[in-house]
């Protein structure tokens, strides 16, 4: 039995990179029945996209999402920095599917302002080359992290997150995250929103931020590279979903789909490659 959820927000999947946990994401998606699904940026990592690396699990995620459109699930794709080339398609509307830069949802009399958040990133505005280099380094660190955790498991030790340790030990990273959250909250309050929902910084969070006599609920959906998290809205309440705590989703068997390679999938992939190549040339 699938869990029925009113709104699900997922961001920073980074399909097409080694760090993406597509299999785990697919298990989560197959365990739920959302009325509205919001993909809040960095879904397909066009920055690092390569035709040499596109596992079947990544294609299965795309196939599942297109299947939701066929089922008339409201699916909003909000562009991020790693998939910023899709911003030329903002306004595209096909049935229940829309591509947007941001969206304001009315939920039980309250307003949720949802956008990726890269607009607050200084490196995106003034040093995009540095941001892209950092993305490559981050992906390499994730691959190294997996190797380290494999060895740790052999010795009966628990998993560690190298990137989290680096973030937590660098004051600049902590300062950036705090500034990001405060800036999002300030703009949200000035526009009289009740919730501000972001992605981008891979830091799952729900907290009340006060500025003067006003306040707003700041939320971040995290990512599917390290944290494997999402935001869920049900019964007038937001919560952070954690795959690591979801025994039901983890138990889903995907073996039947693992080796499927239909002509339709191959055609979709080839079209995707051609589209990205054209985008990069433009």
Protein backbone atom coordinates (compact mmCIF):
# COMPACT_ATOMS: atom_id res chain seq x y z
CA UNK A 1 0.00 0.00 0.00
CA UNK A 2 1.45 3.34 -1.07
CA UNK A 3 1.45 6.30 1.33
CA UNK A 4 -0.83 9.07 0.12
CA UNK A 5 0.81 12.49 0.41
CA UNK A 6 -0.60 15.89 -0.51
CA UNK A 7 2.68 17.58 -1.51
CA UNK A 8 6.21 16.20 -1.92
CA UNK A 9 9.25 18.42 -2.56
CA UNK A 10 12.47 16.83 -3.82
CA UNK A 11 15.61 18.64 -4.90
CA UNK A 12 19.26 18.09 -5.79
CA UNK A 13 18.95 14.60 -7.22
CA UNK A 14 21.87 15.18 -9.65
CA UNK A 15 20.93 12.49 -12.14
CA UNK A 16 23.92 11.74 -14.37
CA UNK A 17 26.54 11.91 -11.61
CA UNK A 18 28.29 9.19 -9.63
CA UNK A 19 27.00 10.58 -6.36
CA UNK A 20 23.30 10.26 -7.22
CA UNK A 21 21.35 7.64 -5.24
CA UNK A 22 18.85 6.96 -8.01
CA UNK A 23 17.95 3.46 -6.81
CA UNK A 24 17.01 4.70 -3.35
CA UNK A 25 15.04 7.59 -4.83
CA UNK A 26 13.13 5.24 -7.11
CA UNK A 27 12.21 3.03 -4.15
CA UNK A 28 10.92 6.10 -2.31
CA UNK A 29 8.90 7.28 -5.31
CA UNK A 30 7.36 3.83 -5.69
CA UNK A 31 6.33 3.83 -2.01
CA UNK A 32 4.25 7.02 -2.21
CA UNK A 33 1.21 8.38 -4.01
CA UNK A 34 1.58 12.19 -4.12
CA UNK A 35 -1.10 14.57 -5.33
CA UNK A 36 1.56 17.16 -6.15
CA UNK A 37 5.28 16.50 -6.71
CA UNK A 38 7.68 19.42 -6.90
CA UNK A 39 11.17 18.84 -8.32
CA UNK A 40 13.00 21.82 -6.84
CA UNK A 41 16.10 22.12 -9.01
CA UNK A 42 19.29 20.22 -9.84
CA UNK A 43 17.33 17.17 -10.92
CA UNK A 44 19.40 16.36 -14.03
CA UNK A 45 22.99 17.54 -13.60
CA UNK A 46 23.59 19.13 -17.00
CA UNK A 47 26.87 20.66 -15.78
CA UNK A 48 28.42 17.20 -15.48
CA UNK A 49 26.21 15.32 -17.93
CA UNK A 50 28.00 12.70 -20.04
CA UNK A 51 26.67 10.05 -22.39
CA UNK A 52 29.32 7.73 -20.93
CA UNK A 53 27.59 7.63 -17.56
CA UNK A 54 23.84 7.14 -17.44
CA UNK A 55 22.93 3.98 -15.44
CA UNK A 56 19.61 2.22 -15.93
CA UNK A 57 18.55 3.34 -12.44
CA UNK A 58 18.78 6.97 -13.56
CA UNK A 59 16.63 6.23 -16.59
CA UNK A 60 14.12 4.41 -14.39
CA UNK A 61 13.69 7.58 -12.32
CA UNK A 62 12.93 9.56 -15.50
CA UNK A 63 10.51 6.86 -16.62
CA UNK A 64 8.72 6.88 -13.26
CA UNK A 65 8.35 10.67 -13.31
CA UNK A 66 6.91 10.64 -16.83
CA UNK A 67 4.54 7.91 -15.65
CA UNK A 68 3.25 10.24 -12.93
CA UNK A 69 2.41 12.80 -15.60
CA UNK A 70 0.36 10.15 -17.39
CA UNK A 71 -1.49 9.57 -14.11
CA UNK A 72 -2.29 13.31 -13.91
CA UNK A 73 -0.18 13.89 -10.81
CA UNK A 74 0.68 17.59 -10.65
CA UNK A 75 4.40 17.68 -11.45
CA UNK A 76 6.30 20.97 -11.25
CA UNK A 77 9.92 21.14 -12.39
CA UNK A 78 11.61 24.17 -10.83
CA UNK A 79 14.96 24.91 -12.43
CA UNK A 80 18.22 25.05 -10.46
CA UNK A 81 21.80 25.99 -11.31
CA UNK A 82 22.92 22.52 -12.43
CA UNK A 83 19.96 22.32 -14.80
CA UNK A 84 19.82 26.05 -15.57
CA UNK A 85 19.79 25.37 -19.33
CA UNK A 86 16.18 24.28 -18.88
CA UNK A 87 15.30 27.85 -17.94
CA UNK A 88 14.83 28.57 -21.63
CA UNK A 89 11.80 26.27 -21.39
CA UNK A 90 10.22 28.05 -18.40
CA UNK A 91 6.50 28.31 -19.03
CA UNK A 92 6.33 24.98 -20.82
CA UNK A 93 3.09 23.24 -19.93
CA UNK A 94 2.04 19.73 -20.89
CA UNK A 95 -1.00 18.39 -19.08
CA UNK A 96 -0.15 18.24 -15.38
CA UNK A 97 3.56 19.01 -16.01
CA UNK A 98 5.05 22.52 -15.84
CA UNK A 99 8.57 23.98 -15.93
CA UNK A 100 8.99 27.02 -13.68
CA UNK A 101 11.60 29.16 -11.93
CA UNK A 102 9.50 29.41 -8.78
CA UNK A 103 6.02 28.70 -7.55
CA UNK A 104 3.68 29.88 -4.79
CA UNK A 105 1.36 27.17 -3.47
CA UNK A 106 -1.70 27.89 -1.35
CA UNK A 107 -1.94 25.21 1.32
CA UNK A 108 -4.83 25.30 3.79
CA UNK A 109 -5.00 29.09 3.79
CA UNK A 110 -1.22 29.58 3.90
CA UNK A 111 1.26 30.43 1.15
CA UNK A 112 4.43 28.47 0.39
CA UNK A 113 7.09 30.17 -1.73
CA UNK A 114 9.14 27.46 -3.43
CA UNK A 115 12.34 27.99 -5.47
CA UNK A 116 15.76 26.36 -5.78
CA UNK A 117 17.86 29.03 -4.06
CA UNK A 118 20.92 29.43 -6.31
CA UNK A 119 19.93 33.07 -6.77
CA UNK A 120 21.44 33.70 -3.30
CA UNK A 121 24.76 32.06 -4.19
CA UNK A 122 27.47 34.69 -4.78
CA UNK A 123 29.67 32.25 -6.74
CA UNK A 124 26.82 31.71 -9.19
CA UNK A 125 26.67 35.43 -9.91
CA UNK A 126 30.36 36.32 -10.03
CA UNK A 127 32.38 33.10 -10.46
CA UNK A 128 30.32 30.41 -12.16
CA UNK A 129 33.51 28.63 -13.26
CA UNK A 130 34.43 28.25 -9.59
CA UNK A 131 31.01 26.82 -8.78
CA UNK A 132 31.32 24.30 -11.64
CA UNK A 133 34.81 23.30 -10.52
CA UNK A 134 33.49 22.85 -7.00
CA UNK A 135 30.70 20.60 -8.32
CA UNK A 136 33.25 18.33 -10.00
CA UNK A 137 35.33 18.22 -6.82
CA UNK A 138 32.23 17.46 -4.74
CA UNK A 139 31.28 14.56 -7.01
CA UNK A 140 34.82 13.16 -6.74
CA UNK A 141 34.63 13.47 -2.95
CA UNK A 142 31.35 11.51 -2.92
CA UNK A 143 32.95 8.69 -4.93
CA UNK A 144 35.89 8.64 -2.52
CA UNK A 145 33.44 8.65 0.40
CA UNK A 146 31.72 5.53 -0.93
CA UNK A 147 35.06 3.73 -1.16
CA UNK A 148 35.90 4.75 2.41
CA UNK A 149 32.52 3.55 3.69
CA UNK A 150 32.96 0.23 1.88
CA UNK A 151 36.22 -0.30 3.77
CA UNK A 152 34.65 0.90 7.05
CA UNK A 153 31.85 -1.65 6.61
CA UNK A 154 34.40 -4.44 6.14
CA UNK A 155 35.88 -3.53 9.52
CA UNK A 156 32.46 -3.33 11.16
CA UNK A 157 32.48 0.46 11.43
CA UNK A 158 29.64 2.88 10.74
CA UNK A 159 29.33 5.15 7.73
CA UNK A 160 30.89 8.60 7.66
CA UNK A 161 30.27 11.65 5.47
CA UNK A 162 33.48 13.37 4.42
CA UNK A 163 31.70 16.36 2.90
CA UNK A 164 29.65 16.90 6.07
CA UNK A 165 32.79 16.77 8.18
CA UNK A 166 34.41 19.34 5.92
CA UNK A 167 31.34 21.59 5.99
CA UNK A 168 31.07 21.37 9.77
CA UNK A 169 34.76 22.12 10.27
CA UNK A 170 34.88 25.12 7.94
CA UNK A 171 33.42 28.25 9.51
CA UNK A 172 32.89 29.80 6.08
CA UNK A 173 30.56 26.97 5.04
CA UNK A 174 28.50 27.30 8.21
CA UNK A 175 28.36 31.07 7.77
CA UNK A 176 27.19 30.64 4.14
CA UNK A 177 24.40 28.25 5.14
CA UNK A 178 23.18 30.57 7.89
CA UNK A 179 23.27 33.59 5.57
CA UNK A 180 21.40 31.62 2.90
CA UNK A 181 18.61 30.69 5.30
CA UNK A 182 18.34 34.17 6.79
CA UNK A 183 18.21 35.81 3.35
CA UNK A 184 15.49 33.45 2.15
CA UNK A 185 13.51 34.10 5.33
CA UNK A 186 13.88 37.88 5.06
CA UNK A 187 12.54 38.00 1.50
CA UNK A 188 9.78 35.54 2.36
CA UNK A 189 8.65 37.65 5.30
CA UNK A 190 8.70 40.85 3.23
CA UNK A 191 6.36 39.17 0.73
CA UNK A 192 4.09 37.89 3.52
CA UNK A 193 4.63 34.19 2.79
CA UNK A 194 4.09 31.62 5.51
CA UNK A 195 6.68 29.14 4.22
CA UNK A 196 9.84 29.48 2.16
CA UNK A 197 11.06 26.22 0.61
CA UNK A 198 14.51 25.85 -0.95
CA UNK A 199 17.08 23.30 -2.07
CA UNK A 200 20.60 24.03 -3.39
CA UNK A 201 22.68 23.77 -0.18
CA UNK A 202 21.99 20.05 0.49
CA UNK A 203 21.00 20.81 4.07
CA UNK A 204 17.59 19.37 5.09
CA UNK A 205 15.89 21.70 7.53
CA UNK A 206 12.62 22.91 8.99
CA UNK A 207 12.83 25.79 11.42
CA UNK A 208 11.07 28.96 12.42
CA UNK A 209 13.04 32.12 11.67
CA UNK A 210 12.06 35.35 13.39
CA UNK A 211 12.95 38.83 12.22
CA UNK A 212 11.60 41.54 14.45
CA UNK A 213 7.95 40.83 15.18
CA UNK A 214 7.52 38.69 12.07
CA UNK A 215 8.41 35.07 11.46
CA UNK A 216 8.40 32.45 8.71
CA UNK A 217 8.94 28.71 8.46
CA UNK A 218 12.13 28.07 6.48
CA UNK A 219 12.46 24.63 4.90
CA UNK A 220 15.04 22.84 2.79
CA UNK A 221 14.44 19.49 1.09
CA UNK A 222 18.09 18.39 1.31
CA UNK A 223 19.36 16.12 -1.47
CA UNK A 224 19.69 12.61 -2.92
CA UNK A 225 23.47 12.53 -2.91
CA UNK A 226 24.23 12.41 0.82
CA UNK A 227 21.14 12.95 2.96
CA UNK A 228 18.50 11.16 0.85
CA UNK A 229 15.69 13.41 2.10
CA UNK A 230 12.53 15.14 0.93
CA UNK A 231 9.83 17.42 2.31
CA UNK A 232 6.29 16.09 2.75
CA UNK A 233 3.10 18.05 3.45
CA UNK A 234 0.12 16.24 4.94
CA UNK A 235 -2.73 17.23 7.25
CA UNK A 236 -1.58 20.87 7.45
CA UNK A 237 1.92 19.86 8.58
CA UNK A 238 5.36 19.73 6.94
CA UNK A 239 7.91 17.05 7.80
CA UNK A 240 11.34 15.92 6.61
CA UNK A 241 11.36 12.49 5.02
CA UNK A 242 14.52 10.43 5.59
CA UNK A 243 15.11 7.37 3.44
CA UNK A 244 17.41 5.92 6.11
CA UNK A 245 14.40 5.65 8.43
CA UNK A 246 11.96 4.24 5.86
CA UNK A 247 12.01 0.45 6.23
CA UNK A 248 9.11 -0.01 3.80
CA UNK A 249 10.78 1.87 0.93
CA UNK A 250 14.07 0.09 1.56
CA UNK A 251 12.36 -3.28 1.23
CA UNK A 252 10.98 -2.59 -2.26
CA UNK A 253 12.41 -5.02 -4.83
CA UNK A 254 13.50 -3.39 -8.09
CA UNK A 255 15.23 -6.44 -9.55
CA UNK A 256 12.57 -6.93 -12.23
CA UNK A 257 13.23 -3.48 -13.62
CA UNK A 258 17.00 -3.39 -13.20
CA UNK A 259 18.00 -4.88 -16.54
CA UNK A 260 15.17 -3.55 -18.70
CA UNK A 261 16.50 -1.73 -21.75
CA UNK A 262 13.56 -1.10 -24.06
CA UNK A 263 13.86 0.73 -27.36
CA UNK A 264 11.77 3.54 -25.88
CA UNK A 265 14.34 4.14 -23.12
CA UNK A 266 17.22 4.11 -25.60
CA UNK A 267 15.41 6.61 -27.80
CA UNK A 268 14.65 8.87 -24.83
CA UNK A 269 18.30 8.80 -23.78
CA UNK A 270 19.58 9.62 -27.27
CA UNK A 271 17.15 12.56 -27.50
CA UNK A 272 18.32 13.74 -24.08
CA UNK A 273 21.97 13.65 -25.17
CA UNK A 274 21.23 15.55 -28.38
CA UNK A 275 19.21 18.19 -26.52
CA UNK A 276 21.98 18.78 -23.96
CA UNK A 277 24.59 19.04 -26.72
CA UNK A 278 22.49 21.68 -28.46
CA UNK A 279 22.05 23.55 -25.18
CA UNK A 280 25.80 23.59 -24.53
CA UNK A 281 26.49 24.99 -28.02
CA UNK A 282 23.89 27.74 -27.66
